[in-house]
N, C-alpha and C. Protein backbone atom coordinates (compact mmCIF):
# COMPACT_ATOMS: atom_id res chain seq x y z
N MET A 1 -20.48 16.69 8.79
CA MET A 1 -20.31 16.57 6.85
C MET A 1 -19.79 14.91 6.67
N ARG A 2 -20.38 14.37 5.83
CA ARG A 2 -20.37 13.12 5.61
C ARG A 2 -19.37 13.07 4.15
N HIS A 3 -18.37 12.33 4.34
CA HIS A 3 -17.75 11.49 2.96
C HIS A 3 -18.43 10.40 2.63
N THR A 4 -18.37 10.93 1.42
CA THR A 4 -18.58 9.59 0.22
C THR A 4 -17.23 9.13 -0.61
N TYR A 5 -17.41 8.10 -1.22
CA TYR A 5 -16.12 7.70 -1.95
C TYR A 5 -16.79 7.58 -3.52
N ASN A 6 -16.43 7.63 -4.37
CA ASN A 6 -16.80 7.36 -5.74
C ASN A 6 -15.51 6.40 -6.30
N GLY A 7 -15.62 5.86 -7.29
CA GLY A 7 -14.90 4.88 -8.40
C GLY A 7 -13.58 5.27 -7.86
N ILE A 8 -13.05 6.56 -7.99
CA ILE A 8 -11.77 6.79 -8.15
C ILE A 8 -11.02 6.46 -6.86
N ASP A 9 -11.90 7.13 -5.88
CA ASP A 9 -11.76 7.14 -4.23
C ASP A 9 -11.51 5.67 -4.26
N ARG A 10 -12.18 4.62 -4.31
CA ARG A 10 -11.94 3.26 -3.94
C ARG A 10 -10.97 2.57 -4.79
N LEU A 11 -11.02 3.16 -5.94
CA LEU A 11 -9.76 2.27 -6.79
C LEU A 11 -8.25 2.78 -6.14
N ALA A 12 -8.38 3.88 -5.94
CA ALA A 12 -7.20 4.33 -5.35
C ALA A 12 -6.70 3.67 -3.88
N LEU A 13 -7.57 3.79 -2.93
CA LEU A 13 -7.39 3.46 -2.00
C LEU A 13 -7.04 1.71 -2.04
N ALA A 14 -7.51 1.17 -3.22
CA ALA A 14 -7.61 -0.49 -2.93
C ALA A 14 -6.11 -0.64 -3.78
N ILE A 15 -5.85 -0.15 -4.61
CA ILE A 15 -4.40 -0.42 -5.20
C ILE A 15 -3.39 0.06 -4.00
N SER A 16 -3.62 1.08 -3.73
CA SER A 16 -2.45 1.37 -2.33
C SER A 16 -2.44 0.64 -1.47
N GLY A 17 -3.75 0.37 -0.94
CA GLY A 17 -3.81 -0.91 0.41
C GLY A 17 -3.17 -2.55 -0.16
N THR A 18 -3.54 -2.71 -1.43
CA THR A 18 -2.91 -3.89 -1.98
C THR A 18 -1.53 -3.90 -2.10
N LEU A 19 -0.74 -2.92 -2.49
CA LEU A 19 0.45 -2.40 -2.77
C LEU A 19 1.12 -2.63 -1.62
N MET A 20 0.87 -2.29 -0.32
CA MET A 20 1.30 -2.02 0.78
C MET A 20 1.44 -3.28 1.48
N LEU A 21 -0.06 -3.88 1.60
CA LEU A 21 0.06 -5.33 2.07
C LEU A 21 0.70 -6.25 1.58
N LEU A 22 1.05 -6.44 0.39
CA LEU A 22 1.61 -7.36 -0.46
C LEU A 22 3.25 -7.31 -0.10
N GLY A 23 3.42 -6.07 -0.02
CA GLY A 23 5.25 -5.68 0.08
C GLY A 23 5.38 -5.90 1.46
N ILE A 24 4.39 -5.48 2.52
CA ILE A 24 4.75 -5.79 3.81
C ILE A 24 4.55 -7.26 4.67
N VAL A 25 3.54 -7.54 4.31
CA VAL A 25 2.36 -8.48 4.82
C VAL A 25 3.23 -9.88 4.27
N VAL A 26 2.43 -9.87 2.99
CA VAL A 26 2.60 -11.38 1.95
C VAL A 26 4.18 -11.63 1.72
N LEU A 27 5.25 -10.57 1.49
CA LEU A 27 6.60 -10.82 1.49
C LEU A 27 7.04 -11.11 2.64
N GLY A 28 6.49 -10.65 3.61
CA GLY A 28 7.51 -10.70 4.84
C GLY A 28 6.83 -12.39 5.36
N PHE A 29 5.60 -12.56 4.85
CA PHE A 29 5.42 -13.99 5.71
C PHE A 29 6.43 -15.04 4.81
N LEU A 30 6.38 -14.60 3.43
CA LEU A 30 7.37 -15.67 2.38
C LEU A 30 8.70 -15.78 2.82
N GLU A 31 8.89 -14.41 3.37
CA GLU A 31 10.50 -14.47 4.01
C GLU A 31 10.41 -15.56 5.12
N VAL A 32 9.43 -15.56 6.19
CA VAL A 32 9.40 -15.79 7.33
C VAL A 32 9.49 -17.82 7.30
N LEU A 33 8.70 -17.88 6.08
CA LEU A 33 8.35 -19.48 5.35
C LEU A 33 9.98 -19.91 5.25
N ASP A 34 10.91 -18.95 4.43
CA ASP A 34 11.98 -19.47 3.75
C ASP A 34 12.84 -19.52 5.01
N GLY A 35 12.71 -19.12 5.84
CA GLY A 35 13.91 -19.38 7.24
C GLY A 35 14.80 -18.15 7.22
N ALA A 36 15.66 -18.60 8.31
CA ALA A 36 16.86 -17.78 8.41
C ALA A 36 18.16 -17.54 7.66
N PRO A 37 18.20 -16.45 6.99
CA PRO A 37 18.33 -15.40 7.70
C PRO A 37 17.05 -14.30 7.21
N PHE A 38 16.53 -13.76 8.55
CA PHE A 38 15.49 -12.52 8.24
C PHE A 38 15.81 -10.83 7.88
N GLY A 39 17.14 -10.66 7.76
CA GLY A 39 17.76 -9.44 7.60
C GLY A 39 17.50 -9.18 5.87
N ALA A 40 17.75 -8.06 5.89
CA ALA A 40 17.56 -7.12 4.49
C ALA A 40 18.79 -7.44 3.77
N ALA A 41 20.04 -7.77 4.09
CA ALA A 41 21.25 -7.52 3.50
C ALA A 41 21.44 -8.97 3.32
N PRO A 42 22.31 -9.54 2.64
CA PRO A 42 22.78 -10.86 2.74
C PRO A 42 23.88 -11.10 3.29
N LEU A 43 23.99 -12.20 4.22
CA LEU A 43 24.65 -12.71 5.15
C LEU A 43 26.09 -13.36 4.65
N THR A 44 27.22 -12.74 5.28
CA THR A 44 28.64 -13.05 4.68
C THR A 44 29.70 -13.94 5.74
N ASN A 45 30.18 -14.43 5.43
CA ASN A 45 31.03 -15.28 6.56
C ASN A 45 32.22 -14.28 6.86
N ASP A 46 33.34 -14.55 7.78
CA ASP A 46 34.76 -13.99 7.66
C ASP A 46 35.53 -14.07 6.57
N ALA A 47 35.29 -14.81 5.51
CA ALA A 47 36.21 -14.35 4.21
C ALA A 47 35.18 -13.34 3.35
N GLY A 48 34.36 -13.09 3.50
CA GLY A 48 33.38 -12.08 2.70
C GLY A 48 32.75 -13.04 1.92
N ASP A 49 32.28 -14.22 1.89
CA ASP A 49 31.65 -15.00 0.76
C ASP A 49 30.26 -14.84 1.31
N VAL A 50 29.46 -14.85 0.41
CA VAL A 50 27.97 -14.98 0.47
C VAL A 50 27.55 -16.02 1.29
N VAL A 51 26.92 -16.24 2.16
CA VAL A 51 26.39 -17.53 2.79
C VAL A 51 25.21 -17.65 2.86
N ALA A 52 24.14 -16.37 2.77
CA ALA A 52 22.68 -16.59 2.79
C ALA A 52 22.33 -15.22 2.05
N THR A 53 21.07 -15.37 1.31
CA THR A 53 20.51 -14.37 0.86
C THR A 53 18.99 -14.09 1.01
N PRO A 54 18.33 -13.04 1.06
CA PRO A 54 16.98 -12.65 1.66
C PRO A 54 16.10 -13.75 0.13
N LEU A 55 14.99 -13.88 0.32
CA LEU A 55 14.30 -15.04 -0.63
C LEU A 55 13.84 -13.76 -1.79
N ILE A 56 13.13 -12.63 -1.30
CA ILE A 56 12.88 -11.47 -1.93
C ILE A 56 13.85 -10.16 -1.63
N ASP A 57 14.31 -9.42 -2.71
CA ASP A 57 15.13 -8.72 -2.76
C ASP A 57 14.35 -7.33 -2.08
N PRO A 58 15.06 -6.71 -1.36
CA PRO A 58 14.61 -5.58 -0.38
C PRO A 58 14.19 -4.48 -1.11
N ASN A 59 14.51 -4.29 -2.43
CA ASN A 59 14.37 -3.23 -3.23
C ASN A 59 13.30 -3.58 -3.61
N VAL A 60 12.46 -4.52 -4.09
CA VAL A 60 11.31 -5.16 -4.63
C VAL A 60 10.45 -4.44 -3.32
N ARG A 61 10.66 -5.10 -2.39
CA ARG A 61 9.75 -5.03 -1.06
C ARG A 61 9.30 -3.30 -0.77
N THR A 62 10.75 -2.58 -0.31
CA THR A 62 10.28 -1.62 -0.34
C THR A 62 9.77 -0.46 -1.61
N GLY A 63 10.11 -1.00 -2.92
CA GLY A 63 9.61 -0.34 -3.77
C GLY A 63 7.65 -0.63 -4.10
N LEU A 64 7.55 -1.82 -3.53
CA LEU A 64 5.85 -2.16 -3.71
C LEU A 64 5.11 -1.16 -2.60
N VAL A 65 5.82 -0.75 -1.36
CA VAL A 65 5.40 0.12 -0.32
C VAL A 65 5.48 1.06 -0.74
N VAL A 66 6.47 1.91 -1.09
CA VAL A 66 6.65 3.31 -1.71
C VAL A 66 5.54 3.50 -2.78
N ALA A 67 5.57 2.54 -3.88
CA ALA A 67 4.40 2.76 -4.63
C ALA A 67 2.93 2.79 -3.96
N GLY A 68 2.55 1.82 -2.93
CA GLY A 68 1.54 2.07 -2.47
C GLY A 68 1.12 3.33 -1.68
N LEU A 69 2.38 4.01 -1.04
CA LEU A 69 2.05 5.45 -0.62
C LEU A 69 2.13 6.22 -1.28
N LEU A 70 2.57 6.75 -2.82
CA LEU A 70 2.77 7.42 -3.37
C LEU A 70 1.41 7.63 -4.14
N ILE A 71 0.82 6.33 -4.25
CA ILE A 71 -0.77 6.61 -4.67
C ILE A 71 -1.60 6.74 -3.73
N LEU A 72 -1.52 6.81 -2.50
CA LEU A 72 -2.01 7.37 -1.18
C LEU A 72 -2.07 8.44 -1.52
N LEU A 73 -0.61 9.49 -1.42
CA LEU A 73 -0.36 10.79 -1.49
C LEU A 73 -1.02 11.26 -2.89
N LEU A 74 -0.95 10.92 -3.95
CA LEU A 74 -1.68 11.20 -5.25
C LEU A 74 -3.22 11.45 -4.98
N TRP A 75 -3.59 10.13 -4.16
CA TRP A 75 -5.33 10.50 -4.03
C TRP A 75 -5.36 11.26 -3.20
N GLY A 76 -4.31 11.58 -1.74
CA GLY A 76 -4.81 12.70 -0.96
C GLY A 76 -4.87 13.95 -1.44
N LEU A 77 -3.90 14.26 -2.45
CA LEU A 77 -4.12 15.57 -3.05
C LEU A 77 -5.21 15.79 -4.11
N TYR A 78 -5.75 14.64 -4.82
CA TYR A 78 -6.71 14.84 -5.63
C TYR A 78 -7.88 15.14 -4.88
N ARG A 79 -8.46 14.61 -3.46
CA ARG A 79 -9.19 14.82 -2.59
C ARG A 79 -8.92 16.38 -2.04
N MET A 80 -8.07 16.71 -1.81
CA MET A 80 -8.07 18.52 -1.06
C MET A 80 -7.97 19.07 -2.07
N TYR A 81 -7.70 19.17 -3.96
CA TYR A 81 -8.35 19.69 -4.75
C TYR A 81 -9.57 19.83 -5.03
N LEU A 82 -10.19 18.68 -4.76
CA LEU A 82 -11.57 18.38 -5.21
C LEU A 82 -12.62 19.46 -5.08
N PRO A 83 -13.49 19.96 -5.70
CA PRO A 83 -14.34 21.23 -5.24
C PRO A 83 -15.18 20.53 -4.10
N THR A 84 -15.70 21.16 -3.15
CA THR A 84 -16.24 20.69 -1.90
C THR A 84 -17.66 19.96 -2.28
N GLY A 85 -18.50 20.54 -3.28
CA GLY A 85 -19.42 19.82 -3.36
C GLY A 85 -19.84 18.71 -4.32
N ALA A 86 -18.39 18.44 -5.18
CA ALA A 86 -18.42 17.59 -6.25
C ALA A 86 -18.47 16.26 -5.54
N ALA A 87 -17.63 15.94 -4.41
CA ALA A 87 -17.48 14.62 -3.78
C ALA A 87 -18.85 14.29 -3.23
N GLU A 88 -19.38 14.78 -2.47
CA GLU A 88 -20.77 14.69 -2.05
C GLU A 88 -22.11 14.62 -2.92
N GLU A 89 -22.69 13.38 -2.11
CA GLU A 89 -23.79 13.00 -2.62
C GLU A 89 -24.92 13.52 -1.95
N THR A 90 -26.52 13.53 -2.64
CA THR A 90 -27.31 13.91 -2.12
C THR A 90 -27.72 13.28 -0.76
N PRO A 91 -28.04 13.81 0.38
CA PRO A 91 -28.32 13.61 2.20
C PRO A 91 -29.38 12.31 1.77
N ARG A 92 -29.40 11.40 2.31
CA ARG A 92 -30.58 10.25 2.21
C ARG A 92 -31.96 11.20 2.82
N GLU A 93 -32.03 12.01 3.88
CA GLU A 93 -32.95 12.24 3.72
C GLU A 93 -33.46 13.18 2.55
N ALA A 94 -33.08 13.43 1.81
CA ALA A 94 -33.99 14.73 0.94
C ALA A 94 -34.10 13.58 -0.35
N THR A 95 -33.83 12.21 -0.44
CA THR A 95 -34.02 11.60 -1.46
C THR A 95 -35.03 10.11 -1.04
N ALA A 96 -35.51 10.24 0.33
CA ALA A 96 -36.38 8.96 0.81
C ALA A 96 -37.86 9.24 0.85
N SER A 97 -38.22 8.16 0.21
CA SER A 97 -39.77 8.56 -0.24
C SER A 97 -40.61 8.15 1.05
N HIS A 98 -41.55 8.89 1.31
CA HIS A 98 -42.61 8.52 2.12
C HIS A 98 -43.91 7.98 1.89
């Protein structure tokens, strides 16, 4: 059985992949460029004063990744309930001209 992707499939995969890559790779790279600390929580000294914070709020990064995973989940549910013949195209052998 050959799987083909229509416009909705490509859009869902592109959006979810973009959100996850943005949240993990791009914003992680920006955090590394910003320098130490690399942790998700603000650094405090012994007196409890905040001495360093992350460049990007961890909630933003987590939100982007979760949004990407949620779109991927919804796309998977869509594909699961799609009728079997609706997602498939005519085989190449049937359309080839001789």
